[in-house]
Amino acid sequence: MTTDRIVLEPFQKKCGLLFQEEKRLLKEIFRPEHTLFFHIGSTAIPGCLANPILDILAVVFDIGEVDLLEEALREAGYELQPECGINRRRLFQKKREQEVHLHCFEESHPDVGRHLRFRNYLFSHPGKVKEYSALKKKLLERFVNEPSQYVWGKSRWIKQIDCLAAFEARSFLKVELKGERKSLWQPSEIIEAMEDNLYLEMMYFAHYIPTREILFNPDVTVLQSTISDDTFNCILRARFDEKSVGKRVAQVLSCFEEKNLPLTWWTGPRDTPAQLPQVLEEMGLCPQEENVGMYLDLQTEVPEDESALSVKRVLSGRQLFDYDSVHVRSEGNLDVFEQFWKKTPPLLYGKGAPVEMYVGYAKKEPVVTGLLVFYAHAAGIYYIMTLPKERRKGYGTAMMCHLLQRAREKGYFLSVLQASKQGKGLYARLGFLPCSLFVEYKKPQLKK
């Protein structure tokens, strides 16, 4: 969402006072014990030129709580806005004497820490504040009546600061609220949590890696990379309408064709319209792999790992190299460590982060990997990958047992994953049940 017209004003202390006033109003609507409020955005940064809009970050334990407050917020002048590609955010706009944007996130959402790190980094780097203000002035001169272009023009600079702030931070900035994880799930809720968890897994590191770019659209999300690998170039969360689906698919595909990039188009149970798969095939994409969405109720008995496998969480550069080496020897992309992992701030997989990476060692050699994503009140499991020569030795099962025990330790009651044809049997033996289908569509890389 952007405003009708951009206006830049010098920093004003009154915005801090207005934040305190608005915070008092919001505390009467939200449950104070389950919500924290922060002043974010340029009006919170001394010395920074700002569009005079008060940005407030509201952190809640469960985003569903915000949905129940929509009517009360409307009575207070707040109108719900479209999601605009930011998953599990609720954005409200208040247009009165002082325009306010209320950004509501769950406490597990990584954008909570990202917003606060960005603000705090500029607090302590006044030179960057001057640089940011100069960029805004330059963009405003060029896009005075094009607010969307103005916002897009800032995005790469903001990403650079996000990355610098993440490298500089000593610990993961996490807001913790008291509450119990969701334990009773309806089938539709499981599918929603599964898709949202998968979405975060695909997007999480891309916010910080210079070799990857996120193209947010209201009806689809596109990730591109300089790495010529369809794992890093993908399309997901299509929400097209029936009339424009063909045109939109063609527009999205052209972004990759212009750069001669390979791609994967993920389709899930909530993608629209129903004829999207047919349109993708008409555009030359072919279904390459079906992944069965599966879930496990962690309130049931979870098996323990009784193997000799030594499972270590990735917390050092050496362990990160070992994690990548298993993937390289399994799938063969030699560029990923240099172009991706070496550019990743360690904070993102360190203690307190919502993403945890693991390596399993047999006789001190890395043989299997696994990744956990704690998001949308579910523990998502990804990248259970075993070296080809070490398969059928129980290492994949041992890693799964370790991850499931870790999820229970963290207080989660639901685990979700997408199973390939090869892995489905393993997950079924551990008690996972099928509930949905995800299909990967691919198109051969075009040669110049």
Protein backbone atom coordinates (compact mmCIF):
# COMPACT_ATOMS: atom_id res chain seq x y z
CA MET A 1 0.00 0.00 0.00
CA THR A 2 1.25 3.48 -0.84
CA THR A 3 -0.20 6.89 -0.21
CA ASP A 4 -1.57 9.11 -2.98
CA ARG A 5 1.34 11.53 -2.90
CA ILE A 6 4.75 11.55 -1.24
CA VAL A 7 5.77 14.55 0.87
CA LEU A 8 9.10 14.73 2.70
CA GLU A 9 9.45 16.63 5.96
CA PRO A 10 12.30 16.98 8.48
CA PHE A 11 12.26 14.81 11.60
CA GLN A 12 9.67 15.97 14.12
CA LYS A 13 9.71 15.04 17.80
CA LYS A 14 5.94 15.30 17.89
CA CYS A 15 5.72 11.98 16.04
CA GLY A 16 7.07 10.26 19.14
CA LEU A 17 4.36 11.90 21.23
CA LEU A 18 1.72 10.95 18.67
CA PHE A 19 2.96 7.36 18.83
CA GLN A 20 2.47 7.31 22.60
CA GLU A 21 -1.07 8.69 22.22
CA GLU A 22 -1.96 6.14 19.54
CA LYS A 23 -0.40 3.36 21.59
CA ARG A 24 -2.69 4.19 24.52
CA LEU A 25 -5.70 4.02 22.20
CA LEU A 26 -4.60 0.69 20.71
CA LYS A 27 -4.00 -0.84 24.13
CA GLU A 28 -7.70 -0.40 24.83
CA ILE A 29 -8.48 -2.50 21.74
CA PHE A 30 -5.76 -5.17 21.87
CA ARG A 31 -5.05 -7.52 24.76
CA PRO A 32 -2.14 -5.72 26.48
CA GLU A 33 -0.60 -8.94 27.81
CA HIS A 34 -0.53 -10.40 24.28
CA THR A 35 0.60 -7.32 22.32
CA LEU A 36 3.65 -5.06 22.10
CA PHE A 37 3.81 -1.80 20.14
CA PHE A 38 6.86 -0.16 18.54
CA HIS A 39 7.38 3.09 16.64
CA ILE A 40 9.09 2.18 13.35
CA GLY A 41 9.67 3.80 9.97
CA SER A 42 11.40 7.07 9.15
CA THR A 43 9.36 9.18 11.59
CA ALA A 44 11.05 7.20 14.38
CA ILE A 45 14.60 8.03 13.21
CA PRO A 46 16.12 11.37 14.35
CA GLY A 47 17.49 13.44 11.47
CA CYS A 48 15.73 11.45 8.76
CA LEU A 49 13.52 13.01 6.12
CA ALA A 50 10.15 11.30 6.29
CA ASN A 51 6.80 11.12 4.64
CA PRO A 52 4.68 12.29 7.62
CA ILE A 53 3.02 8.94 8.26
CA LEU A 54 3.19 7.32 11.67
CA ASP A 55 4.21 3.65 11.30
CA ILE A 56 3.35 1.43 14.26
CA LEU A 57 4.46 -2.18 14.62
CA ALA A 58 2.02 -4.30 16.65
CA VAL A 59 3.38 -7.70 17.69
CA VAL A 60 0.81 -10.31 18.70
CA PHE A 61 1.10 -13.96 19.69
CA ASP A 62 -1.43 -15.15 17.10
CA ILE A 63 -2.39 -13.17 13.99
CA GLY A 64 -5.90 -14.61 14.30
CA GLU A 65 -6.39 -12.36 17.33
CA VAL A 66 -6.11 -9.33 15.04
CA ASP A 67 -8.81 -10.65 12.71
CA LEU A 68 -11.22 -10.69 15.65
CA LEU A 69 -10.48 -7.01 16.31
CA GLU A 70 -11.18 -5.72 12.81
CA GLU A 71 -14.54 -4.16 13.73
CA ALA A 72 -13.16 -2.48 16.85
CA LEU A 73 -10.24 -1.11 14.86
CA ARG A 74 -12.60 0.20 12.19
CA GLU A 75 -14.56 2.07 14.85
CA ALA A 76 -11.25 3.66 15.92
CA GLY A 77 -10.62 4.81 12.34
CA TYR A 78 -8.45 1.94 11.09
CA GLU A 79 -9.31 0.31 7.75
CA LEU A 80 -7.87 -3.07 6.75
CA GLN A 81 -5.65 -2.96 3.64
CA PRO A 82 -4.56 -5.73 1.20
CA GLU A 83 -1.73 -8.07 2.22
CA CYS A 84 0.42 -6.90 -0.73
CA GLY A 85 2.65 -9.97 -0.74
CA ILE A 86 3.67 -9.82 2.93
CA ASN A 87 2.48 -13.11 4.35
CA ARG A 88 0.59 -13.20 7.67
CA ARG A 89 0.65 -9.45 8.09
CA ARG A 90 -2.43 -7.38 8.81
CA LEU A 91 -2.04 -3.80 7.65
CA PHE A 92 -4.45 -1.08 8.75
CA GLN A 93 -4.57 2.53 7.60
CA LYS A 94 -5.96 5.43 9.58
CA LYS A 95 -6.54 8.59 7.57
CA ARG A 96 -7.26 11.50 9.83
CA GLU A 97 -5.26 14.58 10.78
CA GLN A 98 -2.22 12.33 11.26
CA GLU A 99 -2.11 9.33 8.92
CA VAL A 100 -1.18 6.10 10.68
CA HIS A 101 -0.15 2.72 9.29
CA LEU A 102 -0.56 -0.14 11.74
CA HIS A 103 1.54 -3.20 10.81
CA CYS A 104 0.43 -6.30 12.75
CA PHE A 105 2.66 -9.39 12.87
CA GLU A 106 2.87 -12.58 14.88
CA GLU A 107 5.80 -12.69 17.29
CA SER A 108 7.40 -15.50 15.24
CA HIS A 109 7.37 -13.43 12.03
CA PRO A 110 10.96 -12.55 11.03
CA ASP A 111 9.86 -9.12 9.79
CA VAL A 112 9.43 -8.08 13.43
CA GLY A 113 13.16 -8.33 14.02
CA ARG A 114 13.96 -6.93 10.57
CA HIS A 115 11.95 -3.73 11.16
CA LEU A 116 13.48 -3.19 14.59
CA ARG A 117 17.05 -3.92 13.45
CA PHE A 118 16.67 -1.46 10.57
CA ARG A 119 15.48 1.26 12.92
CA ASN A 120 18.13 0.54 15.55
CA TYR A 121 20.93 0.41 12.96
CA LEU A 122 20.06 3.89 11.71
CA PHE A 123 19.86 5.12 15.31
CA SER A 124 23.57 4.32 15.66
CA HIS A 125 24.73 5.25 12.13
CA PRO A 126 23.85 8.92 11.48
CA GLY A 127 25.87 8.89 8.26
CA LYS A 128 23.49 6.30 6.84
CA VAL A 129 20.55 8.48 7.90
CA LYS A 130 21.94 11.33 5.77
CA GLU A 131 22.46 8.90 2.89
CA TYR A 132 18.88 7.65 3.21
CA SER A 133 17.49 11.20 3.26
CA ALA A 134 19.52 12.14 0.17
CA LEU A 135 18.21 9.08 -1.67
CA LYS A 136 14.64 10.00 -0.78
CA LYS A 137 15.07 13.55 -2.09
CA LYS A 138 16.51 12.26 -5.34
CA LEU A 139 13.71 9.73 -5.80
CA LEU A 140 11.03 12.28 -4.96
CA GLU A 141 12.31 14.66 -7.63
CA ARG A 142 12.02 11.86 -10.16
CA PHE A 143 8.79 10.19 -9.00
CA VAL A 144 6.83 13.01 -7.34
CA ASN A 145 3.50 11.66 -8.62
CA GLU A 146 4.45 7.98 -8.73
CA PRO A 147 4.50 6.71 -5.14
CA SER A 148 4.92 3.05 -6.12
CA GLN A 149 8.10 3.87 -8.09
CA TYR A 150 9.36 5.96 -5.18
CA VAL A 151 8.89 3.01 -2.81
CA TRP A 152 10.50 0.58 -5.27
CA GLY A 153 13.47 2.92 -5.65
CA LYS A 154 14.20 2.67 -1.92
CA SER A 155 13.95 -1.11 -1.75
CA ARG A 156 17.53 -2.04 -2.70
CA TRP A 157 19.02 0.49 -0.29
CA ILE A 158 16.77 -0.82 2.48
CA LYS A 159 17.88 -4.38 1.70
CA GLN A 160 21.53 -3.31 2.02
CA ILE A 161 20.82 -1.83 5.45
CA ASP A 162 18.88 -4.94 6.49
CA CYS A 163 21.93 -7.01 5.59
CA LEU A 164 24.40 -4.70 7.37
CA ALA A 165 22.18 -4.62 10.45
CA ALA A 166 21.93 -8.41 10.50
CA PHE A 167 25.71 -8.84 10.21
CA GLU A 168 26.28 -6.29 12.97
CA ALA A 169 23.69 -7.64 15.42
CA ARG A 170 25.10 -9.90 18.11
CA SER A 171 21.93 -11.86 18.72
CA PHE A 172 18.61 -12.46 17.01
CA LEU A 173 16.24 -9.67 17.97
CA LYS A 174 13.13 -11.58 18.93
CA VAL A 175 10.00 -10.39 20.66
CA GLU A 176 8.53 -13.08 22.88
CA LEU A 177 4.97 -13.07 24.18
CA LYS A 178 3.31 -15.47 26.56
CA GLY A 179 0.90 -17.95 25.06
CA GLU A 180 0.41 -21.57 24.05
CA ARG A 181 0.84 -22.82 20.53
CA LYS A 182 -2.27 -23.86 18.66
CA SER A 183 -3.09 -27.49 19.46
CA LEU A 184 -6.47 -28.06 17.79
CA TRP A 185 -6.42 -27.83 14.01
CA GLN A 186 -9.08 -27.97 11.32
CA PRO A 187 -8.03 -29.47 7.94
CA SER A 188 -8.20 -26.07 6.21
CA GLU A 189 -6.07 -24.52 8.98
CA ILE A 190 -3.40 -27.19 8.54
CA ILE A 191 -3.18 -26.46 4.81
CA GLU A 192 -2.98 -22.72 5.44
CA ALA A 193 -0.21 -23.16 8.03
CA MET A 194 1.64 -25.53 5.69
CA GLU A 195 1.57 -23.06 2.80
CA ASP A 196 2.55 -20.12 4.99
CA ASN A 197 5.42 -22.09 6.52
CA LEU A 198 6.68 -23.13 3.08
CA TYR A 199 6.41 -19.52 1.91
CA LEU A 200 8.65 -18.35 4.74
CA GLU A 201 11.20 -21.09 4.06
CA MET A 202 11.49 -19.90 0.47
CA MET A 203 11.57 -16.19 1.31
CA TYR A 204 13.54 -16.05 4.56
CA PHE A 205 17.14 -15.71 3.38
CA ALA A 206 16.25 -13.86 0.16
CA HIS A 207 15.53 -10.67 2.13
CA TYR A 208 19.25 -10.38 2.89
CA ILE A 209 21.17 -12.00 0.02
CA PRO A 210 22.42 -9.62 -2.72
CA THR A 211 22.34 -12.47 -5.26
CA ARG A 212 18.56 -12.86 -4.76
CA GLU A 213 15.70 -10.47 -5.41
CA ILE A 214 12.09 -10.62 -4.27
CA LEU A 215 9.47 -9.17 -6.59
CA PHE A 216 6.34 -8.65 -4.53
CA ASN A 217 3.06 -8.42 -6.41
CA PRO A 218 -0.44 -8.36 -4.93
CA ASP A 219 -1.30 -11.56 -6.83
CA VAL A 220 2.00 -13.51 -6.94
CA THR A 221 5.49 -13.63 -5.44
CA VAL A 222 8.57 -13.98 -7.64
CA LEU A 223 12.11 -14.78 -6.49
CA GLN A 224 15.04 -14.32 -8.85
CA SER A 225 18.74 -15.01 -8.40
CA THR A 226 22.03 -14.64 -10.22
CA ILE A 227 22.57 -18.32 -9.35
CA SER A 228 21.49 -20.33 -12.39
CA ASP A 229 19.50 -22.88 -10.40
CA ASP A 230 15.73 -23.29 -10.36
CA THR A 231 15.83 -23.76 -6.57
CA PHE A 232 16.69 -20.07 -6.28
CA ASN A 233 14.46 -18.84 -9.11
CA CYS A 234 10.86 -19.57 -8.33
CA ILE A 235 7.26 -18.37 -8.41
CA LEU A 236 4.70 -19.06 -5.71
CA ARG A 237 1.43 -17.96 -4.11
CA ALA A 238 -0.46 -17.18 -7.32
CA ARG A 239 -3.77 -15.46 -6.64
CA PHE A 240 -4.83 -14.60 -10.19
CA ASP A 241 -8.38 -14.04 -11.39
CA GLU A 242 -9.85 -16.07 -14.23
CA LYS A 243 -9.94 -13.22 -16.73
CA SER A 244 -6.29 -12.19 -16.45
CA VAL A 245 -4.54 -15.47 -15.57
CA GLY A 246 -3.07 -16.01 -19.04
CA LYS A 247 -1.75 -12.47 -19.28
CA ARG A 248 -0.28 -12.55 -15.77
CA VAL A 249 1.45 -15.90 -16.28
CA ALA A 250 3.02 -14.59 -19.50
CA GLN A 251 4.20 -11.42 -17.72
CA VAL A 252 5.80 -13.39 -14.89
CA LEU A 253 7.53 -15.85 -17.21
CA SER A 254 8.96 -12.99 -19.27
CA CYS A 255 10.92 -11.84 -16.19
CA PHE A 256 12.92 -15.08 -16.38
CA GLU A 257 13.08 -15.40 -20.16
CA GLU A 258 14.65 -11.94 -20.47
CA LYS A 259 17.51 -13.07 -18.21
CA ASN A 260 17.69 -16.64 -19.53
CA LEU A 261 17.08 -18.05 -16.06
CA PRO A 262 15.72 -21.48 -15.12
CA LEU A 263 12.65 -21.46 -12.91
CA THR A 264 10.29 -23.50 -10.79
CA TRP A 265 6.63 -22.53 -10.49
CA TRP A 266 5.16 -23.96 -7.30
CA THR A 267 1.42 -24.53 -7.23
CA GLY A 268 -0.42 -25.27 -4.01
CA PRO A 269 -3.96 -26.01 -2.84
CA ARG A 270 -4.86 -22.34 -2.33
CA ASP A 271 -3.56 -21.05 -5.67
CA THR A 272 -6.12 -19.55 -8.02
CA PRO A 273 -7.77 -19.88 -10.44
CA ALA A 274 -8.51 -23.60 -10.74
CA GLN A 275 -7.29 -23.65 -14.35
CA LEU A 276 -3.82 -22.30 -13.42
CA PRO A 277 -2.10 -25.70 -14.04
CA GLN A 278 -3.67 -25.87 -17.50
CA VAL A 279 -2.49 -22.33 -18.30
CA LEU A 280 1.04 -23.14 -17.13
CA GLU A 281 1.18 -26.14 -19.45
CA GLU A 282 -0.16 -24.06 -22.34
CA MET A 283 2.72 -21.63 -21.68
CA GLY A 284 5.27 -24.43 -22.04
CA LEU A 285 5.81 -25.45 -18.41
CA CYS A 286 5.60 -29.12 -17.48
CA PRO A 287 4.76 -30.73 -14.13
CA GLN A 288 8.12 -32.12 -12.99
CA GLU A 289 7.48 -33.25 -9.44
CA GLU A 290 4.53 -33.81 -7.15
CA ASN A 291 5.05 -33.17 -3.45
CA VAL A 292 2.45 -34.46 -1.03
CA GLY A 293 1.65 -32.09 1.81
CA MET A 294 1.81 -34.11 5.03
CA TYR A 295 1.31 -33.31 8.70
CA LEU A 296 1.92 -34.89 12.09
CA ASP A 297 0.13 -34.21 15.36
CA LEU A 298 3.02 -33.82 17.80
CA GLN A 299 0.73 -34.63 20.71
CA THR A 300 1.09 -38.26 19.64
CA GLU A 301 4.16 -40.28 20.50
CA VAL A 302 7.25 -39.11 18.62
CA PRO A 303 9.99 -41.73 18.10
CA GLU A 304 13.43 -41.05 19.52
CA ASP A 305 16.67 -41.34 17.60
CA GLU A 306 18.49 -44.47 18.73
CA SER A 307 21.14 -44.42 16.01
CA ALA A 308 24.80 -43.49 16.34
CA LEU A 309 24.26 -40.39 14.21
CA SER A 310 25.61 -37.20 15.79
CA VAL A 311 23.24 -34.33 14.94
CA LYS A 312 24.61 -30.80 15.31
CA ARG A 313 22.86 -27.50 14.79
CA VAL A 314 24.60 -25.23 12.27
CA LEU A 315 26.10 -22.39 14.31
CA SER A 316 29.55 -21.99 12.74
CA GLY A 317 31.06 -21.42 9.33
CA ARG A 318 32.51 -24.93 9.31
CA GLN A 319 29.14 -26.51 10.06
CA LEU A 320 27.55 -24.36 7.36
CA PHE A 321 30.14 -25.65 4.88
CA ASP A 322 29.36 -29.23 5.94
CA TYR A 323 25.62 -28.59 5.48
CA ASP A 324 26.21 -27.28 1.97
CA SER A 325 28.64 -30.07 1.10
CA VAL A 326 25.91 -32.68 1.58
CA HIS A 327 23.68 -30.76 -0.82
CA VAL A 328 26.46 -30.30 -3.37
CA ARG A 329 27.34 -34.00 -3.37
CA SER A 330 23.64 -34.87 -3.60
CA GLU A 331 22.53 -32.39 -6.26
CA GLY A 332 25.75 -30.92 -7.61
CA ASN A 333 25.51 -27.08 -7.55
CA LEU A 334 29.00 -25.85 -6.72
CA ASP A 335 28.11 -22.14 -6.74
CA VAL A 336 25.71 -22.08 -3.82
CA PHE A 337 28.21 -21.80 -0.97
CA GLU A 338 30.14 -18.88 -2.48
CA GLN A 339 27.17 -17.02 -3.93
CA PHE A 340 24.62 -17.74 -1.22
CA TRP A 341 25.73 -19.13 2.11
CA LYS A 342 28.90 -17.04 2.46
CA LYS A 343 26.75 -13.93 1.95
CA THR A 344 24.19 -14.99 4.57
CA PRO A 345 24.34 -13.20 7.95
CA PRO A 346 24.98 -15.90 10.61
CA LEU A 347 22.30 -14.23 12.73
CA LEU A 348 19.64 -15.70 10.43
CA TYR A 349 20.39 -19.28 11.45
CA GLY A 350 21.83 -18.56 14.90
CA LYS A 351 20.29 -18.97 18.32
CA GLY A 352 16.80 -17.49 18.60
CA ALA A 353 16.17 -17.50 14.83
CA PRO A 354 12.94 -19.07 13.48
CA VAL A 355 15.02 -21.19 11.08
CA GLU A 356 17.31 -23.91 12.43
CA MET A 357 19.70 -25.91 10.22
CA TYR A 358 21.14 -29.29 11.18
CA VAL A 359 23.89 -31.62 10.00
CA GLY A 360 24.14 -35.29 10.89
CA TYR A 361 27.63 -36.79 11.21
CA ALA A 362 28.59 -40.46 10.92
CA LYS A 363 32.17 -41.16 11.96
CA LYS A 364 32.74 -37.38 11.96
CA GLU A 365 31.70 -37.08 8.30
CA PRO A 366 28.61 -35.03 7.30
CA VAL A 367 26.08 -37.42 5.77
CA VAL A 368 22.58 -35.92 6.19
CA THR A 369 20.91 -32.53 6.62
CA GLY A 370 17.63 -31.15 7.90
CA LEU A 371 16.04 -27.74 8.35
CA LEU A 372 13.32 -26.56 10.74
CA VAL A 373 11.09 -23.51 10.26
CA PHE A 374 9.06 -22.35 13.26
CA TYR A 375 6.30 -20.23 11.81
CA ALA A 376 2.50 -20.00 11.56
CA HIS A 377 2.30 -22.09 14.76
CA ALA A 378 3.76 -25.04 12.87
CA ALA A 379 7.18 -26.68 12.73
CA GLY A 380 8.04 -27.09 9.06
CA ILE A 381 10.63 -29.69 8.04
CA TYR A 382 12.73 -29.27 4.88
CA TYR A 383 15.88 -30.52 3.15
CA ILE A 384 16.08 -34.00 4.62
CA MET A 385 18.92 -34.90 2.30
CA THR A 386 21.31 -37.85 2.63
CA LEU A 387 24.49 -38.44 0.66
CA PRO A 388 23.76 -40.98 -2.09
CA LYS A 389 26.39 -43.45 -0.85
CA GLU A 390 25.04 -43.23 2.73
CA ARG A 391 21.38 -43.91 1.98
CA ARG A 392 19.41 -46.84 3.40
CA LYS A 393 21.37 -46.67 6.64
CA GLY A 394 18.66 -44.96 8.70
CA TYR A 395 20.26 -41.51 8.70
CA GLY A 396 17.20 -39.78 7.23
CA THR A 397 14.98 -41.36 9.89
CA ALA A 398 17.44 -40.38 12.62
CA MET A 399 17.45 -36.76 11.44
CA MET A 400 13.65 -36.70 11.31
CA CYS A 401 13.40 -38.02 14.86
CA HIS A 402 15.80 -35.34 16.06
CA LEU A 403 13.84 -32.55 14.37
CA LEU A 404 10.49 -33.78 15.68
CA GLN A 405 11.84 -33.94 19.22
CA ARG A 406 13.19 -30.42 18.81
CA ALA A 407 9.77 -29.18 17.64
CA ARG A 408 8.10 -30.69 20.71
CA GLU A 409 10.79 -29.17 22.91
CA LYS A 410 9.88 -25.75 21.46
CA GLY A 411 6.21 -26.26 22.36
CA TYR A 412 4.80 -26.94 18.89
CA PHE A 413 1.90 -29.33 18.33
CA LEU A 414 1.94 -29.53 14.53
CA SER A 415 4.69 -30.50 12.11
CA VAL A 416 4.30 -30.10 8.34
CA LEU A 417 6.32 -30.97 5.25
CA GLN A 418 6.11 -31.60 1.52
CA ALA A 419 7.08 -35.16 0.64
CA SER A 420 8.66 -36.22 -2.62
CA LYS A 421 7.84 -39.62 -4.06
CA GLN A 422 11.08 -40.98 -2.59
CA GLY A 423 10.50 -39.59 0.90
CA LYS A 424 6.79 -40.23 1.34
CA GLY A 425 7.28 -43.74 2.72
CA LEU A 426 9.68 -42.55 5.43
CA TYR A 427 7.31 -39.84 6.63
CA ALA A 428 4.31 -42.17 6.58
CA ARG A 429 6.18 -44.64 8.81
CA LEU A 430 6.76 -41.81 11.29
CA GLY A 431 3.01 -41.10 11.41
CA PHE A 432 2.66 -38.23 8.92
CA LEU A 433 -0.68 -38.05 7.12
CA PRO A 434 -1.35 -36.64 3.62
CA CYS A 435 -3.61 -33.61 3.27
CA SER A 436 -2.74 -31.69 0.09
CA LEU A 437 -0.68 -31.63 -3.09
CA PHE A 438 2.02 -29.25 -4.30
CA VAL A 439 3.25 -29.48 -7.88
CA GLU A 440 6.48 -28.06 -9.28
CA TYR A 441 6.28 -26.86 -12.88
CA LYS A 442 9.50 -26.24 -14.76
CA LYS A 443 10.62 -24.88 -18.09
CA PRO A 444 13.96 -25.67 -19.74
CA GLN A 445 16.42 -22.78 -19.67
CA LEU A 446 16.32 -20.81 -22.88
CA LYS A 447 19.59 -20.54 -24.75
CA LYS A 448 20.70 -17.23 -26.18
